[in-house]
Amino acid sequence: MSLTKRVGLVAGAAALTLTGASYAGTETTDQDLRARVAQMEAELAKLKAQEGSNWLTEQRATEIRALVQDVLADADTRTSLLQGGTAGWDNNFFLASGDGKFRLNIGGQLQFRWMYSNQDDEASEDTSRSGFENTRTKLVFWGHVVDPAWTYKVEGDFNSRNGGGGSFTLEDAWINYNYDNGWGVKVGQFRSPALREELVHSSMQLAVERSVLNSAFTAGMTQGIMLHYTGDNFRMALSYNDGARSANGAAMAYDTEWSFSGRGEILFAGNWNQFNDFTSWKGEEFGFMLGFAAHYQSAEYGTAATNELEVLGLTLDASLEFGGANLYAAVIWTDLDNDNGIDANPWGFLVQGGIFLTDDVELFGRFEWGDSDDLTSEDLMIATIGFNKYFSKHQIKWTTDFGYAFEPVEAAWLANSDGREGWRADGADEDGQFVIRTQLQLLF
C-alpha cells in the first residue's frame, strides 16, 4: 500500500471520528476526542519512521491535502444533513425538520376478523354463515406544517365492506389551527361531534366492533367546519356541516339545507387522555367524564330527491374508569319529522363495562336496547360478552366476543350498517340470532 493511501486512511478515520462526534452530540467528550487524535498522531509517526526522510514528497503532499479536504467536506455534508431533519420512532414512525416546523407521522391499522352468524331463518335453510375478512386496513398520516399550531390528518381504509373490494375509502381529511388559549378551528372531513362511541377510534373500542345502536343513530363522517375548545375540565366542539353520513360528497349534492352538530364534555376526575379509549388500565387514576351532544339537520328544500326530513338527535353519556375496570353508559333520543307523515321518536340506551382479570386479560360485557317508535315492529335487544388479550396494549390485541339478540334484528336497525357488526336482518318473530367474532389487531 502506498504512503498516500495510508495517510488517506488515517485522514478518513479522522473525518469519521469528527462526524461520529457530531452525531453523538454530548455523548462524546473532549477527553475521548483527545485520545483519538493522539492515536492518529502515533499512526502518522509510525508511517514517518517506516518511510525515512523520503516520507513526504511534494507530489504526495499535494495528494494528501486534496484527500483530506475531500474527506472533511464529506463530513460537513453529513453533519448538515443531520441538522436539517430527523426521522425515527416515537410511538409511531415520523419525519421531522430540525427546526421543529414540519412533522409527518405515519401510522396504520390492521384488523383481521373471523365471524359466525346463526339465525332462525324460516324462509331459508342457510341459517349459519361464517368467514374471514380484513375488516380494516388503514393508513394514517398526521402532523404539523410551518408551525405546530397548523395540524392536519389524512386517514383512509382499503375498504372490504359493501363491495369495496379493497378500494381506498377516505375517512378523516382535515386541516386544523390551534390557538394558544385552548381554542381551535378545523375544516375538512371528520367525525360528527355527537356520539362518544363513534368518536372513539375503531382501534380503541372495548368489543370487536361498535354497537348496532351506534350504527343506527350515529351521524358518522361529515364535511364542514368545526370550532373546538379544550380546557382543564371542560371541552366542546360545534360544527356546521353537510349532515349525517355525508363523507366524500360534493358541495352541490342534494343532502341538507343546513346541519349543525355540537358536543360538550365535563371532566370531573382524571385526565382527557384516559378517555381516548374505553379501557381503564391497571394503575391508572380514577376518571369520570360526562358528555352531552345534539345534532340537528334539515334535508334540502324544494327537490324531488329528498323528502325534506328534519332530524333532531340528543345524547347523554357517562364514562368512569377505576384503574383496572371501566363503565360506560349512553342514552340516545331522536325526533324525525317530514311532510310525508313521519313523526317518530326512536331512542335507545347502551351500557358496557370491563374489568381486568390479569395484567393483560380483560373481560367485558355490553347491553344495548332500542325502540324505533313503530318504525319497526320489534325493539332492538342485544347482549354481548367477551374478552381482550393485550400483547402490547391496543398496538397488538386479540378480541373475542359473543352476541345474542333477544328480539329480531330487523332490517331498519341495520339500514346504516356496512356489515362490520356481523348481524343479519331477521324476519318477524325470528329472534335468537347469535354472532361469534374473533379479531387480531395490529397498529403501527
Protein backbone atom coordinates (compact mmCIF):
# COMPACT_ATOMS: atom_id res chain seq x y z
CA MET A 1 0.00 0.00 0.00
CA SER A 2 1.41 3.46 -0.96
CA LEU A 3 2.10 6.08 1.66
CA THR A 4 -0.54 8.38 0.18
CA LYS A 5 -3.20 5.69 0.63
CA ARG A 6 -2.03 5.04 4.17
CA VAL A 7 -2.27 8.69 5.08
CA GLY A 8 -5.64 8.82 3.31
CA LEU A 9 -6.93 6.05 5.53
CA VAL A 10 -5.79 7.92 8.60
CA ALA A 11 -7.46 11.12 7.35
CA GLY A 12 -10.65 9.20 6.61
CA ALA A 13 -10.63 7.77 10.09
CA ALA A 14 -10.24 11.27 11.47
CA ALA A 15 -13.21 12.52 9.46
CA LEU A 16 -15.36 9.61 10.59
CA THR A 17 -14.38 10.37 14.16
CA LEU A 18 -15.42 14.01 13.78
CA THR A 19 -18.67 13.03 12.05
CA GLY A 20 -19.40 10.43 14.71
CA ALA A 21 -18.87 13.07 17.35
CA SER A 22 -21.40 15.37 15.65
CA TYR A 23 -23.93 12.54 15.56
CA ALA A 24 -23.39 11.52 19.15
CA GLY A 25 -23.76 15.05 20.49
CA THR A 26 -23.00 15.24 24.14
CA GLU A 27 -22.23 11.52 24.35
CA THR A 28 -18.64 12.11 23.02
CA THR A 29 -16.46 14.03 25.49
CA ASP A 30 -13.39 16.19 24.85
CA GLN A 31 -11.26 13.56 26.57
CA ASP A 32 -12.43 10.93 24.06
CA LEU A 33 -11.56 13.21 21.14
CA ARG A 34 -8.08 13.95 22.52
CA ALA A 35 -7.43 10.23 22.90
CA ARG A 36 -8.43 9.56 19.30
CA VAL A 37 -6.27 12.40 17.95
CA ALA A 38 -3.28 11.11 19.96
CA GLN A 39 -3.79 7.66 18.46
CA MET A 40 -3.82 9.12 14.94
CA GLU A 41 -0.66 11.13 15.62
CA ALA A 42 1.04 7.92 16.70
CA GLU A 43 -0.02 6.24 13.45
CA LEU A 44 1.44 9.13 11.41
CA ALA A 45 4.70 8.97 13.37
CA LYS A 46 4.92 5.26 12.65
CA LEU A 47 4.46 5.90 8.93
CA LYS A 48 7.21 8.55 9.00
CA ALA A 49 9.60 6.11 10.66
CA GLN A 50 8.87 3.43 8.07
CA GLU A 51 9.50 5.71 5.08
CA GLY A 52 12.53 7.59 6.43
CA SER A 53 13.48 11.00 5.10
CA ASN A 54 11.58 10.49 1.82
CA TRP A 55 8.25 10.01 3.51
CA LEU A 56 6.72 13.24 2.13
CA THR A 57 7.46 14.45 -1.38
CA GLU A 58 5.81 17.50 -2.91
CA GLN A 59 3.55 15.26 -5.02
CA ARG A 60 2.48 13.23 -2.01
CA ALA A 61 1.85 16.40 0.00
CA THR A 62 -0.48 17.70 -2.71
CA GLU A 63 -2.34 14.38 -2.88
CA ILE A 64 -2.73 14.23 0.89
CA ARG A 65 -4.03 17.81 1.11
CA ALA A 66 -6.64 17.13 -1.60
CA LEU A 67 -7.72 13.87 0.06
CA VAL A 68 -8.09 15.46 3.49
CA GLN A 69 -10.13 18.34 2.05
CA ASP A 70 -12.48 15.90 0.29
CA VAL A 71 -13.00 13.84 3.45
CA LEU A 72 -13.63 16.93 5.61
CA ALA A 73 -16.11 18.28 3.06
CA ASP A 74 -17.96 14.95 3.16
CA ALA A 75 -18.06 15.10 6.97
CA ASP A 76 -19.50 18.63 6.83
CA THR A 77 -22.19 17.45 4.41
CA ARG A 78 -23.19 14.59 6.71
CA THR A 79 -23.39 16.93 9.69
CA SER A 80 -25.51 19.40 7.69
CA LEU A 81 -27.93 16.65 6.67
CA LEU A 82 -28.28 15.57 10.29
CA GLN A 83 -29.06 19.09 11.42
CA GLY A 84 -31.61 19.54 8.61
CA GLY A 85 -34.02 16.77 9.62
CA THR A 86 -34.77 13.81 11.84
CA ALA A 87 -36.57 10.50 11.43
CA GLY A 88 -37.33 7.60 13.71
CA TRP A 89 -39.86 6.10 16.08
CA ASP A 90 -41.76 8.00 18.78
CA ASN A 91 -44.84 5.82 19.39
CA ASN A 92 -45.10 5.91 15.57
CA PHE A 93 -42.81 6.45 12.60
CA PHE A 94 -42.09 10.09 11.82
CA LEU A 95 -40.16 12.53 9.65
CA ALA A 96 -39.41 16.00 11.01
CA SER A 97 -37.39 19.09 10.24
CA GLY A 98 -34.54 20.04 12.55
CA ASP A 99 -36.19 23.34 13.46
CA GLY A 100 -39.44 21.63 14.51
CA LYS A 101 -41.60 23.47 11.98
CA PHE A 102 -42.58 20.40 9.98
CA ARG A 103 -43.54 16.90 11.11
CA LEU A 104 -45.14 13.94 9.37
CA ASN A 105 -46.32 10.97 11.45
CA ILE A 106 -47.08 7.71 9.69
CA GLY A 107 -49.30 5.02 11.15
CA GLY A 108 -51.59 2.18 10.21
CA GLN A 109 -54.21 -0.22 11.49
CA LEU A 110 -54.78 -3.86 10.59
CA GLN A 111 -57.83 -5.79 11.79
CA PHE A 112 -58.25 -9.39 10.66
CA ARG A 113 -61.52 -10.97 11.76
CA TRP A 114 -63.47 -14.23 11.69
CA MET A 115 -67.23 -14.14 12.28
CA TYR A 116 -70.00 -16.68 12.64
CA SER A 117 -73.72 -15.87 12.50
CA ASN A 118 -76.65 -18.14 13.27
CA GLN A 119 -80.27 -17.03 12.83
CA ASP A 120 -83.70 -18.62 12.80
CA ASP A 121 -84.48 -18.00 9.13
CA GLU A 122 -87.75 -19.75 8.30
CA ALA A 123 -87.51 -18.79 4.63
CA SER A 124 -84.13 -20.42 4.07
CA GLU A 125 -82.09 -23.41 5.15
CA ASP A 126 -78.97 -21.19 5.27
CA THR A 127 -79.22 -20.46 8.97
CA SER A 128 -75.46 -20.27 9.58
CA ARG A 129 -72.76 -18.25 7.89
CA SER A 130 -69.09 -17.75 8.70
CA GLY A 131 -65.91 -16.45 7.15
CA PHE A 132 -62.75 -14.37 7.37
CA GLU A 133 -62.20 -10.76 6.38
CA ASN A 134 -59.70 -7.92 6.55
CA THR A 135 -62.17 -5.67 8.31
CA ARG A 136 -59.88 -2.64 8.38
CA THR A 137 -56.62 -1.97 6.58
CA LYS A 138 -55.86 1.68 7.27
CA LEU A 139 -53.11 4.17 6.61
CA VAL A 140 -52.91 7.36 8.67
CA PHE A 141 -50.82 10.49 8.11
CA TRP A 142 -50.85 13.39 10.54
CA GLY A 143 -48.60 16.12 11.86
CA HIS A 144 -48.00 19.85 11.51
CA VAL A 145 -46.75 22.27 8.85
CA VAL A 146 -44.87 25.60 9.21
CA ASP A 147 -45.87 25.85 12.87
CA PRO A 148 -47.04 23.23 15.41
CA ALA A 149 -50.33 25.15 15.57
CA TRP A 150 -51.16 24.15 11.97
CA THR A 151 -52.07 20.45 12.15
CA TYR A 152 -53.52 18.00 9.64
CA LYS A 153 -54.70 14.42 9.32
CA VAL A 154 -55.43 12.09 6.41
CA GLU A 155 -56.84 8.65 7.21
CA GLY A 156 -58.26 6.09 4.83
CA ASP A 157 -59.28 2.46 4.69
CA PHE A 158 -58.75 -0.11 1.95
CA ASN A 159 -62.41 -0.97 2.29
CA SER A 160 -63.60 -4.57 2.08
CA ARG A 161 -67.19 -3.70 3.01
CA ASN A 162 -70.28 -3.36 0.79
CA GLY A 163 -68.48 -4.43 -2.37
CA GLY A 164 -65.49 -2.19 -1.73
CA GLY A 165 -63.15 -4.89 -2.96
CA GLY A 166 -60.19 -3.34 -1.20
CA SER A 167 -60.62 0.08 -2.81
CA PHE A 168 -59.35 3.06 -0.81
CA THR A 169 -62.05 4.99 1.08
CA LEU A 170 -61.17 8.38 2.53
CA GLU A 171 -62.21 8.91 6.14
CA ASP A 172 -60.55 11.77 8.04
CA ALA A 173 -59.12 14.56 5.88
CA TRP A 174 -58.84 17.86 7.71
CA ILE A 175 -56.76 20.98 8.41
CA ASN A 176 -56.75 22.43 11.91
CA TYR A 177 -55.39 25.54 13.60
CA ASN A 178 -54.89 25.63 17.39
CA TYR A 179 -54.78 28.96 19.20
CA ASP A 180 -52.75 29.41 22.39
CA ASN A 181 -55.84 29.73 24.60
CA GLY A 182 -57.30 26.27 24.01
CA TRP A 183 -59.49 27.24 21.05
CA GLY A 184 -59.11 25.82 17.57
CA VAL A 185 -60.77 25.66 14.15
CA LYS A 186 -60.95 22.56 11.96
CA VAL A 187 -62.10 22.32 8.33
CA GLY A 188 -62.48 19.27 6.15
CA GLN A 189 -63.89 15.79 6.70
CA PHE A 190 -64.21 14.46 10.25
CA ARG A 191 -66.48 12.53 12.59
CA SER A 192 -69.53 14.49 13.63
CA PRO A 193 -69.14 15.58 17.30
CA ALA A 194 -72.09 13.66 18.68
CA LEU A 195 -71.98 10.03 19.91
CA ARG A 196 -68.95 9.16 22.02
CA GLU A 197 -68.88 5.56 20.81
CA GLU A 198 -68.43 6.87 17.26
CA LEU A 199 -65.76 9.38 18.29
CA VAL A 200 -63.60 6.73 19.97
CA HIS A 201 -61.36 5.33 17.23
CA SER A 202 -62.11 1.84 15.90
CA SER A 203 -58.73 0.68 17.25
CA MET A 204 -59.66 1.73 20.80
CA GLN A 205 -63.05 0.01 21.19
CA LEU A 206 -63.85 -2.38 24.02
CA ALA A 207 -65.62 -5.04 21.92
CA VAL A 208 -64.73 -6.34 18.47
CA GLU A 209 -66.99 -3.73 16.86
CA ARG A 210 -69.13 -0.74 17.77
CA SER A 211 -72.73 -1.48 18.74
CA VAL A 212 -75.71 -1.87 16.40
CA LEU A 213 -77.30 1.00 18.32
CA ASN A 214 -74.40 3.24 17.33
CA SER A 215 -74.68 2.35 13.63
CA ALA A 216 -78.42 3.09 13.74
CA PHE A 217 -78.15 6.54 15.37
CA THR A 218 -74.69 7.88 14.53
CA ALA A 219 -74.13 10.90 12.30
CA GLY A 220 -70.85 9.29 11.23
CA MET A 221 -68.42 11.14 8.98
CA THR A 222 -69.33 14.59 7.70
CA GLN A 223 -67.76 17.54 5.88
CA GLY A 224 -67.74 21.05 7.26
CA ILE A 225 -66.13 23.43 9.72
CA MET A 226 -65.76 22.89 13.46
CA LEU A 227 -64.93 25.25 16.30
CA HIS A 228 -63.48 23.47 19.33
CA TYR A 229 -62.15 24.28 22.78
CA THR A 230 -60.25 22.26 25.39
CA GLY A 231 -59.73 23.43 28.95
CA ASP A 232 -58.64 21.70 32.13
CA ASN A 233 -62.10 20.38 32.98
CA PHE A 234 -64.32 21.22 30.02
CA ARG A 235 -64.11 20.77 26.28
CA MET A 236 -66.56 21.32 23.45
CA ALA A 237 -66.96 21.16 19.68
CA LEU A 238 -69.54 22.89 17.47
CA SER A 239 -69.80 22.07 13.77
CA TYR A 240 -71.65 23.45 10.76
CA ASN A 241 -71.62 20.64 8.20
CA ASP A 242 -73.27 18.78 5.32
CA GLY A 243 -75.26 16.47 7.57
CA ALA A 244 -75.16 12.92 8.85
CA ARG A 245 -73.09 10.37 6.93
CA SER A 246 -72.14 12.84 4.18
CA ALA A 247 -68.50 11.81 3.76
CA ASN A 248 -66.80 12.29 0.39
CA GLY A 249 -69.77 14.22 -1.01
CA ALA A 250 -69.80 17.11 -3.48
CA ALA A 251 -70.65 20.69 -2.50
CA MET A 252 -73.70 20.89 -4.79
CA ALA A 253 -75.11 17.46 -3.90
CA TYR A 254 -78.68 17.09 -2.66
CA ASP A 255 -78.09 16.46 1.02
CA THR A 256 -79.15 19.05 3.61
CA GLU A 257 -80.39 22.61 3.70
CA TRP A 258 -78.43 23.04 6.91
CA SER A 259 -76.91 20.85 9.59
CA PHE A 260 -75.34 21.51 12.99
CA SER A 261 -73.64 19.20 15.48
CA GLY A 262 -72.33 20.04 18.93
CA ARG A 263 -70.86 18.17 21.87
CA GLY A 264 -69.65 19.15 25.32
CA GLU A 265 -67.75 17.12 27.94
CA ILE A 266 -67.12 17.79 31.62
CA LEU A 267 -64.13 16.16 33.31
CA PHE A 268 -64.85 15.58 36.99
CA ALA A 269 -61.78 13.41 37.66
CA GLY A 270 -58.76 12.09 35.78
CA ASN A 271 -57.32 13.48 32.55
CA TRP A 272 -58.55 13.80 28.99
CA ASN A 273 -56.15 11.19 27.56
CA GLN A 274 -57.77 8.48 29.68
CA PHE A 275 -60.92 8.79 27.59
CA ASN A 276 -59.30 8.24 24.20
CA ASP A 277 -60.43 4.62 24.63
CA PHE A 278 -62.93 2.66 26.72
CA THR A 279 -60.34 0.61 28.60
CA SER A 280 -59.06 1.55 32.06
CA TRP A 281 -55.54 0.20 32.51
CA LYS A 282 -54.40 -1.15 35.84
CA GLY A 283 -52.77 1.55 37.93
CA GLU A 284 -54.48 4.47 36.20
CA GLU A 285 -56.07 7.17 38.31
CA PHE A 286 -59.83 7.33 38.76
CA GLY A 287 -61.58 9.12 35.91
CA PHE A 288 -65.12 10.41 35.46
CA MET A 289 -66.40 12.23 32.38
CA LEU A 290 -69.93 13.36 31.50
CA GLY A 291 -70.83 14.09 27.87
CA PHE A 292 -73.82 15.60 26.10
CA ALA A 293 -74.45 16.32 22.43
CA ALA A 294 -77.03 17.41 19.86
CA HIS A 295 -77.38 17.08 16.09
CA TYR A 296 -79.98 18.99 14.05
CA GLN A 297 -80.40 18.91 10.30
CA SER A 298 -82.98 19.56 7.60
CA ALA A 299 -82.99 17.95 4.18
CA GLU A 300 -82.70 20.02 1.01
CA TYR A 301 -85.81 22.10 0.30
CA GLY A 302 -87.77 22.02 -2.95
CA THR A 303 -86.19 18.96 -4.57
CA ALA A 304 -87.72 15.72 -5.71
CA ALA A 305 -84.67 13.83 -4.50
CA THR A 306 -85.42 14.41 -0.81
CA ASN A 307 -88.45 14.30 1.44
CA GLU A 308 -87.40 17.34 3.50
CA LEU A 309 -86.92 15.25 6.62
CA GLU A 310 -85.93 17.16 9.74
CA VAL A 311 -83.86 15.28 12.31
CA LEU A 312 -83.03 16.21 15.88
CA GLY A 313 -80.77 13.92 17.89
CA LEU A 314 -79.80 14.25 21.55
CA THR A 315 -77.48 12.11 23.66
CA LEU A 316 -76.20 11.98 27.22
CA ASP A 317 -73.36 9.68 28.30
CA ALA A 318 -71.16 8.96 31.29
CA SER A 319 -67.72 7.31 31.41
CA LEU A 320 -65.98 6.03 34.53
CA GLU A 321 -62.52 4.49 34.89
CA PHE A 322 -61.37 2.76 38.07
CA GLY A 323 -57.76 1.82 37.30
CA GLY A 324 -58.42 -1.71 36.05
CA ALA A 325 -62.17 -1.52 35.45
CA ASN A 326 -64.39 0.68 33.30
CA LEU A 327 -68.05 1.58 32.88
CA TYR A 328 -69.81 3.47 30.09
CA ALA A 329 -73.50 4.29 29.61
CA ALA A 330 -75.31 6.36 26.99
CA VAL A 331 -78.91 7.25 26.14
CA ILE A 332 -79.88 8.48 22.66
CA TRP A 333 -83.15 10.16 21.60
CA THR A 334 -84.18 11.41 18.16
CA ASP A 335 -87.10 13.27 16.60
CA LEU A 336 -87.95 12.57 12.94
CA ASP A 337 -90.46 14.80 11.14
CA ASN A 338 -91.35 15.40 7.48
CA ASP A 339 -94.26 16.32 5.22
CA ASN A 340 -94.91 12.69 4.26
CA GLY A 341 -96.40 11.86 7.62
CA ILE A 342 -93.34 10.63 9.51
CA ASP A 343 -93.41 11.82 13.11
CA ALA A 344 -91.46 9.44 15.30
CA ASN A 345 -89.09 9.46 18.25
CA PRO A 346 -86.73 6.47 18.09
CA TRP A 347 -84.46 6.14 21.09
CA GLY A 348 -82.24 3.69 22.90
CA PHE A 349 -79.60 3.15 25.53
CA LEU A 350 -76.38 1.23 25.96
CA VAL A 351 -74.39 0.06 28.99
CA GLN A 352 -70.98 -1.58 28.80
CA GLY A 353 -68.10 -2.28 31.13
CA GLY A 354 -64.90 -4.21 31.52
CA ILE A 355 -62.54 -5.47 34.22
CA PHE A 356 -59.00 -6.84 34.08
CA LEU A 357 -58.72 -10.43 35.31
CA THR A 358 -54.91 -10.36 34.94
CA ASP A 359 -52.43 -7.69 33.86
CA ASP A 360 -53.23 -8.31 30.18
CA VAL A 361 -56.62 -10.08 30.02
CA GLU A 362 -59.80 -8.01 30.21
CA LEU A 363 -63.36 -9.36 30.48
CA PHE A 364 -66.16 -7.14 29.15
CA GLY A 365 -69.91 -7.07 28.60
CA ARG A 366 -72.39 -4.85 26.77
CA PHE A 367 -76.18 -4.50 26.62
CA GLU A 368 -77.98 -2.37 24.03
CA TRP A 369 -81.68 -1.68 23.64
CA GLY A 370 -83.57 0.42 21.11
CA ASP A 371 -87.17 1.45 20.45
CA SER A 372 -87.96 2.59 16.89
CA ASP A 373 -91.30 4.14 17.91
CA ASP A 374 -93.33 1.99 15.49
CA LEU A 375 -90.89 2.37 12.58
CA THR A 376 -90.23 -1.34 13.13
CA SER A 377 -92.40 -3.97 14.74
CA GLU A 378 -89.75 -5.12 17.21
CA ASP A 379 -87.38 -3.45 19.65
CA LEU A 380 -83.63 -3.96 19.48
CA MET A 381 -82.20 -6.01 22.36
CA ILE A 382 -78.67 -7.43 22.16
CA ALA A 383 -76.27 -8.64 24.86
CA THR A 384 -72.55 -9.15 24.19
CA ILE A 385 -69.81 -10.68 26.33
CA GLY A 386 -66.16 -11.21 25.50
CA PHE A 387 -62.51 -10.71 26.40
CA ASN A 388 -59.42 -8.80 25.27
CA LYS A 389 -55.92 -10.24 25.37
CA TYR A 390 -53.43 -7.35 25.25
CA PHE A 391 -49.96 -8.25 23.96
CA SER A 392 -48.92 -4.59 23.82
CA LYS A 393 -51.99 -2.59 24.85
CA HIS A 394 -54.02 -1.62 21.75
CA GLN A 395 -50.99 -1.97 19.49
CA ILE A 396 -51.35 -5.75 19.41
CA LYS A 397 -54.53 -7.19 20.89
CA TRP A 398 -56.78 -10.19 20.37
CA THR A 399 -60.51 -9.69 20.97
CA THR A 400 -63.24 -12.32 21.00
CA ASP A 401 -66.92 -11.82 21.81
CA PHE A 402 -70.34 -13.50 21.65
CA GLY A 403 -73.55 -11.58 20.98
CA TYR A 404 -77.15 -12.73 21.40
CA ALA A 405 -80.30 -10.97 20.14
CA PHE A 406 -83.35 -11.43 22.37
CA GLU A 407 -85.60 -9.84 19.70
CA PRO A 408 -85.45 -9.99 15.89
CA VAL A 409 -82.77 -7.71 14.45
CA GLU A 410 -84.95 -6.08 11.81
CA ALA A 411 -83.53 -4.50 8.65
CA ALA A 412 -84.33 -0.97 9.83
CA TRP A 413 -81.79 -1.31 12.65
CA LEU A 414 -79.12 -2.27 10.10
CA ALA A 415 -80.00 0.37 7.49
CA ASN A 416 -76.82 2.36 8.15
CA SER A 417 -74.60 -0.64 8.87
CA ASP A 418 -71.85 -1.74 6.49
CA GLY A 419 -71.92 -5.27 7.89
CA ARG A 420 -68.93 -4.98 10.20
CA GLU A 421 -71.06 -5.90 13.21
CA GLY A 422 -71.80 -9.35 11.74
CA TRP A 423 -75.57 -9.21 12.35
CA ARG A 424 -78.03 -10.16 9.60
CA ALA A 425 -81.58 -8.88 9.14
CA ASP A 426 -84.21 -11.10 10.76
CA GLY A 427 -87.78 -11.58 9.69
CA ALA A 428 -90.73 -11.05 12.00
CA ASP A 429 -90.70 -13.34 15.05
CA GLU A 430 -87.24 -14.69 14.15
CA ASP A 431 -85.45 -13.94 17.41
CA GLY A 432 -82.49 -15.74 18.92
CA GLN A 433 -79.82 -14.78 16.37
CA PHE A 434 -76.30 -15.02 17.76
CA VAL A 435 -72.92 -13.89 16.47
CA ILE A 436 -69.39 -15.02 17.38
CA ARG A 437 -66.49 -12.73 16.43
CA THR A 438 -62.75 -13.00 16.97
CA GLN A 439 -60.19 -10.47 15.79
CA LEU A 440 -56.46 -9.76 15.86
CA GLN A 441 -55.43 -6.11 15.66
CA LEU A 442 -52.03 -4.58 14.95
CA LEU A 443 -51.20 -0.87 14.95
CA PHE A 444 -48.02 0.63 13.56
